[in-house]
Amino acid sequence: PTTHCVVVGPCALHVPTYCLLEFNMVRKLKFHEQKLLKKVDFISWEVDNNLHEVKIMRKYYVQKREDYTKYNKLSRAIRDLARKIKELDPKDPFRAKATSDLLNKLHSLGVIAIKENLEICDRVTASSFCRRRLPVIMVRNQMAQRVKMATQYVEQGHVRIGPDVITDPAFLVSRQLEDFVTWTDSSAIKKHVAEYNDMRDDYDLL
């Protein structure tokens, strides 16, 4: 008998995304069976997922796929943690403390906009972390027109947060640090912006 291999998935969490199921064909498939099999798209869910991933990575100019994967895993862990907290007895003082700690942490990171309740944690996705990347914050602060351009500025050493020069576009900016994102003192971009706005201070830019 001929051995065939069919891709099935997604499988359980403790096994890889896809698993291979081997079986022996004891007979040739009938016409209607072949026709039915063709209608079953075993990989459509992965294609859809990949398209969404590519779309998000392009939107926020995430150059490394492993960065997006980390954001995805982290957001999933946050949603799972929120669900586990919600399963606790509402009268349990630990539930109130855990809820407060989680919401405060996510809010300080800028991942959530308001500290309303645990339901808001269900909206945390990979995009929530992408929006905290330094180049995205720069565009929001009108330091650059596009995320790709802002990414290049960061990589070239034109940007600092407080006294620290940041050259990693994947740097996540917390809510507290947003106002400290600026140009390095020696940055040609800073000089260009100052000249463009007619606010150049020659003494400050020496």
C-alpha atoms as a PDB file:
ATOM      1  CA  PRO A   1       0.000   0.000   0.000  1.00  0.00           C
ATOM      2  CA  THR A   2       1.073   3.577  -0.676  1.00  0.00           C
ATOM      3  CA  THR A   3       1.883   5.819   2.285  1.00  0.00           C
ATOM      4  CA  HIS A   4       0.516   9.338   2.104  1.00  0.00           C
ATOM      5  CA  CYS A   5       0.958  12.343   4.342  1.00  0.00           C
ATOM      6  CA  VAL A   6      -1.713  14.916   5.098  1.00  0.00           C
ATOM      7  CA  VAL A   7      -1.216  18.191   6.937  1.00  0.00           C
ATOM      8  CA  VAL A   8      -3.674  18.752   9.736  1.00  0.00           C
ATOM      9  CA  GLY A   9      -3.861  21.622  12.165  1.00  0.00           C
ATOM     10  CA  PRO A  10      -3.829  23.573  14.231  1.00  0.00           C
ATOM     11  CA  CYS A  11      -2.991  20.932  16.813  1.00  0.00           C
ATOM     12  CA  ALA A  12      -2.892  21.093  20.579  1.00  0.00           C
ATOM     13  CA  LEU A  13      -0.721  23.734  22.202  1.00  0.00           C
ATOM     14  CA  HIS A  14       1.901  21.243  23.378  1.00  0.00           C
ATOM     15  CA  VAL A  15       2.760  20.190  19.833  1.00  0.00           C
ATOM     16  CA  PRO A  16       3.985  22.206  16.821  1.00  0.00           C
ATOM     17  CA  THR A  17       1.525  24.364  14.870  1.00  0.00           C
ATOM     18  CA  TYR A  18       1.176  21.661  12.293  1.00  0.00           C
ATOM     19  CA  CYS A  19       1.495  17.948  12.731  1.00  0.00           C
ATOM     20  CA  LEU A  20       1.879  15.307  10.077  1.00  0.00           C
ATOM     21  CA  LEU A  21      -0.504  12.423  10.146  1.00  0.00           C
ATOM     22  CA  GLU A  22       0.611   9.416   8.174  1.00  0.00           C
ATOM     23  CA  PHE A  23      -1.763   6.739   7.135  1.00  0.00           C
ATOM     24  CA  ASN A  24      -1.858   3.834   4.735  1.00  0.00           C
ATOM     25  CA  MET A  25      -4.248   4.055   1.860  1.00  0.00           C
ATOM     26  CA  VAL A  26      -5.950   0.702   1.614  1.00  0.00           C
ATOM     27  CA  ARG A  27      -7.758   1.755  -1.549  1.00  0.00           C
ATOM     28  CA  LYS A  28      -7.859   4.535  -4.083  1.00  0.00           C
ATOM     29  CA  LEU A  29     -10.154   7.423  -3.201  1.00  0.00           C
ATOM     30  CA  LYS A  30     -13.455   7.519  -5.028  1.00  0.00           C
ATOM     31  CA  PHE A  31     -14.295  10.521  -7.234  1.00  0.00           C
ATOM     32  CA  HIS A  32     -16.662  12.138  -4.730  1.00  0.00           C
ATOM     33  CA  GLU A  33     -14.106  11.614  -1.950  1.00  0.00           C
ATOM     34  CA  GLN A  34     -11.381  13.325  -3.981  1.00  0.00           C
ATOM     35  CA  LYS A  35     -13.752  16.188  -4.789  1.00  0.00           C
ATOM     36  CA  LEU A  36     -14.637  16.596  -1.114  1.00  0.00           C
ATOM     37  CA  LEU A  37     -10.980  16.550  -0.093  1.00  0.00           C
ATOM     38  CA  LYS A  38     -10.177  19.351  -2.542  1.00  0.00           C
ATOM     39  CA  LYS A  39     -12.735  21.569  -0.825  1.00  0.00           C
ATOM     40  CA  VAL A  40     -10.974  21.203   2.520  1.00  0.00           C
ATOM     41  CA  ASP A  41      -8.326  23.907   2.877  1.00  0.00           C
ATOM     42  CA  PHE A  42      -6.001  22.676   5.594  1.00  0.00           C
ATOM     43  CA  ILE A  43      -3.763  25.746   5.483  1.00  0.00           C
ATOM     44  CA  SER A  44      -6.171  28.627   4.912  1.00  0.00           C
ATOM     45  CA  TRP A  45      -6.051  29.581   8.593  1.00  0.00           C
ATOM     46  CA  GLU A  46      -2.250  29.918   8.412  1.00  0.00           C
ATOM     47  CA  VAL A  47      -2.407  31.980   5.220  1.00  0.00           C
ATOM     48  CA  ASP A  48      -4.895  34.386   6.812  1.00  0.00           C
ATOM     49  CA  ASN A  49      -2.731  34.642   9.907  1.00  0.00           C
ATOM     50  CA  ASN A  50       0.398  35.320   7.851  1.00  0.00           C
ATOM     51  CA  LEU A  51      -1.354  38.025   5.829  1.00  0.00           C
ATOM     52  CA  HIS A  52      -2.423  39.767   9.028  1.00  0.00           C
ATOM     53  CA  GLU A  53       1.108  39.481  10.386  1.00  0.00           C
ATOM     54  CA  VAL A  54       2.624  40.970   7.230  1.00  0.00           C
ATOM     55  CA  LYS A  55       0.077  43.791   7.261  1.00  0.00           C
ATOM     56  CA  ILE A  56       0.920  44.753  10.853  1.00  0.00           C
ATOM     57  CA  MET A  57       4.669  44.484  10.284  1.00  0.00           C
ATOM     58  CA  ARG A  58       4.417  46.774   7.263  1.00  0.00           C
ATOM     59  CA  LYS A  59       2.198  49.277   9.023  1.00  0.00           C
ATOM     60  CA  TYR A  60       4.600  49.706  11.937  1.00  0.00           C
ATOM     61  CA  TYR A  61       7.734  48.896   9.918  1.00  0.00           C
ATOM     62  CA  VAL A  62       8.713  45.965  12.147  1.00  0.00           C
ATOM     63  CA  GLN A  63      11.812  44.646  10.415  1.00  0.00           C
ATOM     64  CA  LYS A  64      12.373  41.533  12.526  1.00  0.00           C
ATOM     65  CA  ARG A  65       9.718  38.854  12.557  1.00  0.00           C
ATOM     66  CA  GLU A  66      10.930  37.667  15.963  1.00  0.00           C
ATOM     67  CA  ASP A  67       9.935  41.058  17.398  1.00  0.00           C
ATOM     68  CA  TYR A  68       6.373  40.605  16.164  1.00  0.00           C
ATOM     69  CA  THR A  69       6.366  37.042  17.524  1.00  0.00           C
ATOM     70  CA  LYS A  70       7.426  38.325  20.954  1.00  0.00           C
ATOM     71  CA  TYR A  71       4.650  40.934  20.947  1.00  0.00           C
ATOM     72  CA  ASN A  72       2.143  38.253  19.983  1.00  0.00           C
ATOM     73  CA  LYS A  73       3.232  35.900  22.771  1.00  0.00           C
ATOM     74  CA  LEU A  74       3.328  38.699  25.320  1.00  0.00           C
ATOM     75  CA  SER A  75      -0.146  39.966  24.445  1.00  0.00           C
ATOM     76  CA  ARG A  76      -1.504  36.420  24.636  1.00  0.00           C
ATOM     77  CA  ALA A  77       0.099  35.957  28.061  1.00  0.00           C
ATOM     78  CA  ILE A  78      -1.503  39.200  29.261  1.00  0.00           C
ATOM     79  CA  ARG A  79      -4.945  38.115  28.062  1.00  0.00           C
ATOM     80  CA  ASP A  80      -4.517  34.713  29.719  1.00  0.00           C
ATOM     81  CA  LEU A  81      -3.413  36.322  32.984  1.00  0.00           C
ATOM     82  CA  ALA A  82      -6.415  38.661  32.963  1.00  0.00           C
ATOM     83  CA  ARG A  83      -8.765  35.705  32.441  1.00  0.00           C
ATOM     84  CA  LYS A  84      -7.198  33.812  35.348  1.00  0.00           C
ATOM     85  CA  ILE A  85      -7.590  36.838  37.616  1.00  0.00           C
ATOM     86  CA  LYS A  86     -11.252  37.142  36.592  1.00  0.00           C
ATOM     87  CA  GLU A  87     -11.797  33.514  37.616  1.00  0.00           C
ATOM     88  CA  LEU A  88     -10.846  34.332  41.215  1.00  0.00           C
ATOM     89  CA  ASP A  89     -13.497  34.976  43.859  1.00  0.00           C
ATOM     90  CA  PRO A  90     -14.613  38.627  43.547  1.00  0.00           C
ATOM     91  CA  LYS A  91     -14.336  38.894  47.338  1.00  0.00           C
ATOM     92  CA  ASP A  92     -10.723  37.703  47.347  1.00  0.00           C
ATOM     93  CA  PRO A  93      -8.472  40.679  48.244  1.00  0.00           C
ATOM     94  CA  PHE A  94      -5.724  39.190  46.067  1.00  0.00           C
ATOM     95  CA  ARG A  95      -7.974  39.552  43.021  1.00  0.00           C
ATOM     96  CA  ALA A  96      -8.356  43.289  43.631  1.00  0.00           C
ATOM     97  CA  LYS A  97      -4.610  43.746  44.116  1.00  0.00           C
ATOM     98  CA  ALA A  98      -3.695  41.637  41.071  1.00  0.00           C
ATOM     99  CA  THR A  99      -6.193  43.563  38.949  1.00  0.00           C
ATOM    100  CA  SER A 100      -4.815  46.905  40.092  1.00  0.00           C
ATOM    101  CA  ASP A 101      -1.191  45.853  39.569  1.00  0.00           C
ATOM    102  CA  LEU A 102      -1.829  44.518  36.063  1.00  0.00           C
ATOM    103  CA  LEU A 103      -3.844  47.522  34.884  1.00  0.00           C
ATOM    104  CA  ASN A 104      -1.349  49.998  36.358  1.00  0.00           C
ATOM    105  CA  LYS A 105       1.552  48.224  34.669  1.00  0.00           C
ATOM    106  CA  LEU A 106      -0.131  48.075  31.267  1.00  0.00           C
ATOM    107  CA  HIS A 107      -1.205  51.704  31.524  1.00  0.00           C
ATOM    108  CA  SER A 108       2.291  52.877  32.467  1.00  0.00           C
ATOM    109  CA  LEU A 109       3.651  51.012  29.450  1.00  0.00           C
ATOM    110  CA  GLY A 110       1.072  52.727  27.267  1.00  0.00           C
ATOM    111  CA  VAL A 111      -0.397  49.412  26.149  1.00  0.00           C
ATOM    112  CA  ILE A 112      -3.873  50.370  27.400  1.00  0.00           C
ATOM    113  CA  ALA A 113      -5.374  53.861  27.352  1.00  0.00           C
ATOM    114  CA  ILE A 114      -7.485  53.662  30.509  1.00  0.00           C
ATOM    115  CA  LYS A 115      -7.419  51.572  33.689  1.00  0.00           C
ATOM    116  CA  GLU A 116     -11.080  50.633  33.560  1.00  0.00           C
ATOM    117  CA  ASN A 117     -11.324  46.911  34.246  1.00  0.00           C
ATOM    118  CA  LEU A 118      -9.869  43.574  33.195  1.00  0.00           C
ATOM    119  CA  GLU A 119     -12.094  43.453  30.119  1.00  0.00           C
ATOM    120  CA  ILE A 120      -9.800  45.964  28.438  1.00  0.00           C
ATOM    121  CA  CYS A 121      -6.982  43.411  28.601  1.00  0.00           C
ATOM    122  CA  ASP A 122      -8.838  41.347  25.996  1.00  0.00           C
ATOM    123  CA  ARG A 123      -8.051  44.117  23.494  1.00  0.00           C
ATOM    124  CA  VAL A 124      -4.292  43.879  24.035  1.00  0.00           C
ATOM    125  CA  THR A 125      -2.681  42.544  20.850  1.00  0.00           C
ATOM    126  CA  ALA A 126       0.696  42.589  19.124  1.00  0.00           C
ATOM    127  CA  SER A 127      -0.322  45.940  17.624  1.00  0.00           C
ATOM    128  CA  SER A 128      -0.604  47.366  21.149  1.00  0.00           C
ATOM    129  CA  PHE A 129       3.132  46.844  21.572  1.00  0.00           C
ATOM    130  CA  CYS A 130       3.961  47.917  18.019  1.00  0.00           C
ATOM    131  CA  ARG A 131       2.396  51.294  18.801  1.00  0.00           C
ATOM    132  CA  ARG A 132       4.897  51.774  21.641  1.00  0.00           C
ATOM    133  CA  ARG A 133       7.948  51.353  19.412  1.00  0.00           C
ATOM    134  CA  LEU A 134      10.181  54.420  19.337  1.00  0.00           C
ATOM    135  CA  PRO A 135       9.713  55.250  15.602  1.00  0.00           C
ATOM    136  CA  VAL A 136       5.916  55.128  15.996  1.00  0.00           C
ATOM    137  CA  ILE A 137       6.090  57.502  18.969  1.00  0.00           C
ATOM    138  CA  MET A 138       8.281  59.827  16.883  1.00  0.00           C
ATOM    139  CA  VAL A 139       5.645  60.000  14.148  1.00  0.00           C
ATOM    140  CA  ARG A 140       2.989  60.685  16.767  1.00  0.00           C
ATOM    141  CA  ASN A 141       5.188  63.475  18.172  1.00  0.00           C
ATOM    142  CA  GLN A 142       5.605  64.879  14.638  1.00  0.00           C
ATOM    143  CA  MET A 143       9.352  64.226  14.591  1.00  0.00           C
ATOM    144  CA  ALA A 144       8.968  62.329  11.319  1.00  0.00           C
ATOM    145  CA  GLN A 145       6.306  61.922   8.648  1.00  0.00           C
ATOM    146  CA  ARG A 146       6.564  58.155   8.244  1.00  0.00           C
ATOM    147  CA  VAL A 147       7.543  55.255  10.481  1.00  0.00           C
ATOM    148  CA  LYS A 148      10.161  54.064   7.984  1.00  0.00           C
ATOM    149  CA  MET A 149      11.822  57.482   8.019  1.00  0.00           C
ATOM    150  CA  ALA A 150      11.737  57.585  11.828  1.00  0.00           C
ATOM    151  CA  THR A 151      13.295  54.110  11.950  1.00  0.00           C
ATOM    152  CA  GLN A 152      16.207  55.315   9.837  1.00  0.00           C
ATOM    153  CA  TYR A 153      16.726  58.321  12.125  1.00  0.00           C
ATOM    154  CA  VAL A 154      16.879  56.000  15.144  1.00  0.00           C
ATOM    155  CA  GLU A 155      19.311  53.583  13.503  1.00  0.00           C
ATOM    156  CA  GLN A 156      21.568  56.471  12.472  1.00  0.00           C
ATOM    157  CA  GLY A 157      21.829  57.708  16.066  1.00  0.00           C
ATOM    158  CA  HIS A 158      19.796  60.907  15.748  1.00  0.00           C
ATOM    159  CA  VAL A 159      17.390  60.162  18.598  1.00  0.00           C
ATOM    160  CA  ARG A 160      17.731  60.109  22.353  1.00  0.00           C
ATOM    161  CA  ILE A 161      15.415  59.521  25.276  1.00  0.00           C
ATOM    162  CA  GLY A 162      16.555  61.765  28.071  1.00  0.00           C
ATOM    163  CA  PRO A 163      20.372  61.574  28.061  1.00  0.00           C
ATOM    164  CA  ASP A 164      20.492  58.137  26.391  1.00  0.00           C
ATOM    165  CA  VAL A 165      20.967  57.752  22.635  1.00  0.00           C
ATOM    166  CA  ILE A 166      18.706  54.964  21.341  1.00  0.00           C
ATOM    167  CA  THR A 167      19.643  53.138  18.138  1.00  0.00           C
ATOM    168  CA  ASP A 168      17.231  50.208  18.425  1.00  0.00           C
ATOM    169  CA  PRO A 169      13.899  50.826  16.622  1.00  0.00           C
ATOM    170  CA  ALA A 170      12.322  48.065  18.742  1.00  0.00           C
ATOM    171  CA  PHE A 171      12.778  50.131  21.916  1.00  0.00           C
ATOM    172  CA  LEU A 172       9.386  50.340  23.638  1.00  0.00           C
ATOM    173  CA  VAL A 173       8.623  53.800  25.001  1.00  0.00           C
ATOM    174  CA  SER A 174       6.648  53.886  28.243  1.00  0.00           C
ATOM    175  CA  ARG A 175       4.067  56.577  28.871  1.00  0.00           C
ATOM    176  CA  GLN A 176       6.433  58.275  31.330  1.00  0.00           C
ATOM    177  CA  LEU A 177       9.234  58.548  28.748  1.00  0.00           C
ATOM    178  CA  GLU A 178       7.140  59.905  25.859  1.00  0.00           C
ATOM    179  CA  ASP A 179       7.938  63.545  26.600  1.00  0.00           C
ATOM    180  CA  PHE A 180      11.680  62.835  26.752  1.00  0.00           C
ATOM    181  CA  VAL A 181      11.992  61.607  23.149  1.00  0.00           C
ATOM    182  CA  THR A 182      14.047  64.172  21.249  1.00  0.00           C
ATOM    183  CA  TRP A 183      16.994  64.665  18.899  1.00  0.00           C
ATOM    184  CA  THR A 184      20.610  64.264  19.944  1.00  0.00           C
ATOM    185  CA  ASP A 185      22.415  67.589  20.365  1.00  0.00           C
ATOM    186  CA  SER A 186      24.745  66.921  17.419  1.00  0.00           C
ATOM    187  CA  SER A 187      22.015  65.622  15.108  1.00  0.00           C
ATOM    188  CA  ALA A 188      21.926  67.159  11.645  1.00  0.00           C
ATOM    189  CA  ILE A 189      18.210  66.393  11.644  1.00  0.00           C
ATOM    190  CA  LYS A 190      17.750  68.568  14.725  1.00  0.00           C
ATOM    191  CA  LYS A 191      19.579  71.416  13.000  1.00  0.00           C
ATOM    192  CA  HIS A 192      17.465  70.993   9.886  1.00  0.00           C
ATOM    193  CA  VAL A 193      14.231  71.032  11.903  1.00  0.00           C
ATOM    194  CA  ALA A 194      15.374  74.112  13.818  1.00  0.00           C
ATOM    195  CA  GLU A 195      16.248  75.932  10.610  1.00  0.00           C
ATOM    196  CA  TYR A 196      12.972  74.912   8.992  1.00  0.00           C
ATOM    197  CA  ASN A 197      10.986  76.255  11.940  1.00  0.00           C
ATOM    198  CA  ASP A 198      13.122  79.419  12.044  1.00  0.00           C
ATOM    199  CA  MET A 199      13.864  78.753  15.704  1.00  0.00           C
ATOM    200  CA  ARG A 200      17.523  77.902  15.496  1.00  0.00           C
ATOM    201  CA  ASP A 201      19.613  78.789  18.519  1.00  0.00           C
ATOM    202  CA  ASP A 202      23.207  78.868  17.289  1.00  0.00           C
ATOM    203  CA  TYR A 203      24.584  78.736  20.795  1.00  0.00           C
ATOM    204  CA  ASP A 204      22.551  75.675  21.722  1.00  0.00           C
ATOM    205  CA  LEU A 205      23.477  73.859  18.503  1.00  0.00           C
ATOM    206  CA  LEU A 206      27.257  74.348  18.748  1.00  0.00           C
END
